[in-house]
Amino acid sequence: MNKSELLGYLERIDAELKKPAVLYIYGSAVCILLDQPDRTSLDIDVAAPYSDVDYGALSSAAERAGIPVNPKDESSSNHIEWIQSLRLCLPKPSSDHEMLLWQGSVLTIKSGSLADLIASKLIRYDEIDQGDIQYLYAQSKISFSDVEEAVRHLPPSFNTDALVLENLKNLEVDIRIWRGGA
């Protein structure tokens, strides 16, 4: 989905929900909503423990809006990925580090700070993640130390993960390259 499709899904879900709901998202959908050029994705990653919504109501509303939650065959169609605590590589939100990304009548879409989002992508740090990080970094005045701090606030299973820490070092090198240094 591109930005137009993503906004269409959010508008339709908003119209289907009966009570106020907050979805706390991360990943590619955030980059799409922040206008990263040509960014598309098949999913909207939702941080379940940080969201405030009735899961059943969301699932029903999303299904009626044409975007299922956690479908059995998630590889070929647009969907919402409901990410539970054990798989969630994202710092716990704080009100002073949140971004409001979209607001409907009852549905609100929020995410963490750019540093939090960058830290969340260090679990994989593949070519797509690197492109997302480069875009997010270019849009802000965050420092590498902001990202280091966000990594320290990742959930315990991730903040000491060897791959995350190795990719943090890789990011430090990449930032110098992106800025034209060696």
Protein backbone atom coordinates (compact mmCIF):
# COMPACT_ATOMS: atom_id res chain seq x y z
CA MET A 1 0.00 0.00 0.00
CA ASN A 2 1.09 3.55 -0.65
CA LYS A 3 0.14 6.64 1.36
CA SER A 4 -3.19 7.12 -0.40
CA GLU A 5 -4.21 3.52 0.24
CA LEU A 6 -3.01 3.67 3.86
CA LEU A 7 -5.02 6.83 4.52
CA GLY A 8 -8.04 5.21 2.89
CA TYR A 9 -7.81 2.23 5.25
CA LEU A 10 -7.45 4.52 8.27
CA GLU A 11 -10.47 6.60 7.21
CA ARG A 12 -12.59 3.47 6.69
CA ILE A 13 -11.52 1.95 10.04
CA ASP A 14 -12.29 5.28 11.73
CA ALA A 15 -15.78 5.25 10.20
CA GLU A 16 -16.37 1.67 11.42
CA LEU A 17 -15.20 2.09 15.03
CA LYS A 18 -17.80 3.09 17.60
CA LYS A 19 -15.50 4.11 20.48
CA PRO A 20 -12.28 6.17 20.66
CA ALA A 21 -9.19 4.12 19.85
CA VAL A 22 -5.46 4.76 19.70
CA LEU A 23 -3.18 2.64 17.55
CA TYR A 24 0.51 2.98 18.29
CA ILE A 25 2.32 2.06 15.09
CA TYR A 26 5.90 1.66 13.97
CA GLY A 27 7.77 0.37 10.95
CA SER A 28 7.10 1.17 7.33
CA ALA A 29 3.62 2.64 7.85
CA VAL A 30 5.19 5.45 9.90
CA CYS A 31 7.63 6.21 7.09
CA ILE A 32 4.74 6.25 4.62
CA LEU A 33 2.75 8.69 6.79
CA LEU A 34 5.87 10.85 7.12
CA ASP A 35 5.98 11.15 3.32
CA GLN A 36 9.01 9.00 2.56
CA PRO A 37 9.12 9.09 -1.26
CA ASP A 38 7.98 5.92 -3.03
CA ARG A 39 7.69 3.96 0.26
CA THR A 40 5.13 1.17 0.20
CA SER A 41 4.35 -1.77 2.44
CA LEU A 42 1.97 -4.70 2.77
CA ASP A 43 1.41 -4.17 6.48
CA ILE A 44 0.74 -1.72 9.26
CA ASP A 45 2.72 -2.77 12.33
CA VAL A 46 0.74 -2.05 15.51
CA ALA A 47 2.42 -2.20 18.93
CA ALA A 48 -0.35 -4.04 20.78
CA PRO A 49 0.74 -3.27 24.37
CA TYR A 50 1.06 0.44 23.64
CA SER A 51 -2.28 0.78 21.81
CA ASP A 52 -5.61 1.60 23.41
CA VAL A 53 -8.31 -0.22 21.47
CA ASP A 54 -10.67 -3.13 21.87
CA TYR A 55 -8.99 -5.82 19.75
CA GLY A 56 -12.29 -7.39 18.66
CA ALA A 57 -13.72 -4.04 17.61
CA LEU A 58 -10.53 -3.21 15.70
CA SER A 59 -10.50 -6.59 13.94
CA SER A 60 -14.13 -6.23 12.90
CA ALA A 61 -13.70 -2.62 11.77
CA ALA A 62 -10.51 -3.43 9.86
CA GLU A 63 -12.12 -6.42 8.15
CA ARG A 64 -15.05 -4.25 7.01
CA ALA A 65 -12.49 -1.63 5.85
CA GLY A 66 -10.79 -4.24 3.68
CA ILE A 67 -7.58 -4.74 5.68
CA PRO A 68 -7.57 -7.80 7.94
CA VAL A 69 -5.68 -8.10 11.23
CA ASN A 70 -3.14 -10.95 11.36
CA PRO A 71 -4.50 -12.93 8.38
CA LYS A 72 -3.33 -16.52 7.99
CA ASP A 73 -1.79 -15.68 4.59
CA GLU A 74 -0.19 -12.30 5.30
CA SER A 75 2.41 -12.37 2.55
CA SER A 76 0.28 -11.39 -0.41
CA SER A 77 -2.24 -8.79 0.72
CA ASN A 78 -2.38 -5.59 2.74
CA HIS A 79 -2.95 -6.30 6.41
CA ILE A 80 -2.49 -5.11 9.98
CA GLU A 81 0.17 -6.89 12.00
CA TRP A 82 -0.80 -6.91 15.70
CA ILE A 83 2.58 -7.25 17.47
CA GLN A 84 2.53 -8.63 21.02
CA SER A 85 5.11 -7.93 23.76
CA LEU A 86 7.50 -10.81 23.09
CA ARG A 87 8.12 -9.70 19.47
CA LEU A 88 8.00 -5.95 20.10
CA CYS A 89 11.37 -4.27 19.53
CA LEU A 90 10.20 -0.74 20.37
CA PRO A 91 10.73 1.43 23.46
CA LYS A 92 7.72 1.98 25.71
CA PRO A 93 6.13 5.29 24.75
CA SER A 94 6.30 8.41 26.83
CA SER A 95 4.03 11.37 26.19
CA ASP A 96 6.98 13.70 25.58
CA HIS A 97 8.39 11.40 22.86
CA GLU A 98 5.21 10.61 20.93
CA MET A 99 4.27 11.74 17.44
CA LEU A 100 0.69 12.21 16.34
CA LEU A 101 0.58 10.84 12.80
CA TRP A 102 -3.14 10.88 11.96
CA GLN A 103 -6.42 11.79 13.65
CA GLY A 104 -9.90 10.75 12.63
CA SER A 105 -13.23 11.08 14.44
CA VAL A 106 -12.50 8.24 16.87
CA LEU A 107 -9.24 6.73 15.65
CA THR A 108 -5.87 8.25 16.53
CA ILE A 109 -2.59 7.00 15.08
CA LYS A 110 0.55 7.67 17.13
CA SER A 111 4.15 6.56 17.12
CA GLY A 112 7.31 7.03 19.11
CA SER A 113 10.08 9.51 18.53
CA LEU A 114 12.27 9.22 15.47
CA ALA A 115 15.07 7.87 17.67
CA ASP A 116 12.69 5.17 19.00
CA LEU A 117 11.70 4.24 15.45
CA ILE A 118 15.32 4.03 14.35
CA ALA A 119 16.18 1.86 17.37
CA SER A 120 13.31 -0.50 16.50
CA LYS A 121 14.77 -1.11 13.04
CA LEU A 122 18.15 -2.25 14.40
CA ILE A 123 16.84 -5.76 15.07
CA ARG A 124 17.03 -6.40 11.32
CA TYR A 125 18.83 -3.44 9.71
CA ASP A 126 18.43 -4.79 6.19
CA GLU A 127 18.61 -2.62 3.08
CA ILE A 128 14.99 -1.45 3.40
CA ASP A 129 15.46 -0.62 7.10
CA GLN A 130 18.64 1.29 6.26
CA GLY A 131 16.73 3.35 3.69
CA ASP A 132 14.00 4.08 6.23
CA ILE A 133 16.56 5.07 8.85
CA GLN A 134 18.43 7.29 6.42
CA TYR A 135 15.15 9.05 5.56
CA LEU A 136 14.13 9.47 9.22
CA TYR A 137 17.59 10.69 10.16
CA ALA A 138 17.60 13.24 7.34
CA GLN A 139 14.22 14.63 8.49
CA SER A 140 15.37 15.40 12.01
CA LYS A 141 17.95 16.90 14.24
CA ILE A 142 18.44 13.76 16.31
CA SER A 143 21.92 12.68 17.20
CA PHE A 144 23.50 9.27 17.32
CA SER A 145 23.42 9.54 21.12
CA ASP A 146 19.60 9.92 20.90
CA VAL A 147 19.46 6.57 19.11
CA GLU A 148 21.84 5.01 21.66
CA GLU A 149 19.51 6.21 24.42
CA ALA A 150 16.48 4.76 22.59
CA VAL A 151 18.28 1.40 22.30
CA ARG A 152 18.83 1.44 26.08
CA HIS A 153 15.04 1.84 26.46
CA LEU A 154 14.14 -1.09 24.21
CA PRO A 155 12.45 -3.99 26.02
CA PRO A 156 14.97 -6.13 27.97
CA SER A 157 15.10 -8.91 25.41
CA PHE A 158 16.22 -6.41 22.76
CA ASN A 159 18.29 -3.73 24.56
CA THR A 160 21.15 -6.20 25.11
CA ASP A 161 20.61 -8.25 21.96
CA ALA A 162 23.96 -8.85 20.22
CA LEU A 163 22.51 -8.18 16.76
CA VAL A 164 20.87 -4.89 17.84
CA LEU A 165 24.13 -3.72 19.44
CA GLU A 166 26.17 -4.75 16.38
CA ASN A 167 23.74 -2.93 14.10
CA LEU A 168 23.95 0.15 16.33
CA LYS A 169 27.69 0.20 15.63
CA ASN A 170 26.96 -0.28 11.91
CA LEU A 171 24.53 2.64 12.06
CA GLU A 172 27.20 4.88 13.57
CA VAL A 173 29.46 4.14 10.59
CA ASP A 174 26.60 4.59 8.11
CA ILE A 175 25.67 7.98 9.58
CA ARG A 176 29.20 9.22 8.95
CA ILE A 177 28.97 7.96 5.36
CA TRP A 178 25.54 9.58 4.83
CA ARG A 179 26.96 12.87 6.07
CA GLY A 180 29.76 12.64 3.52
CA GLY A 181 32.49 11.52 5.91
CA ALA A 182 34.38 8.26 6.00
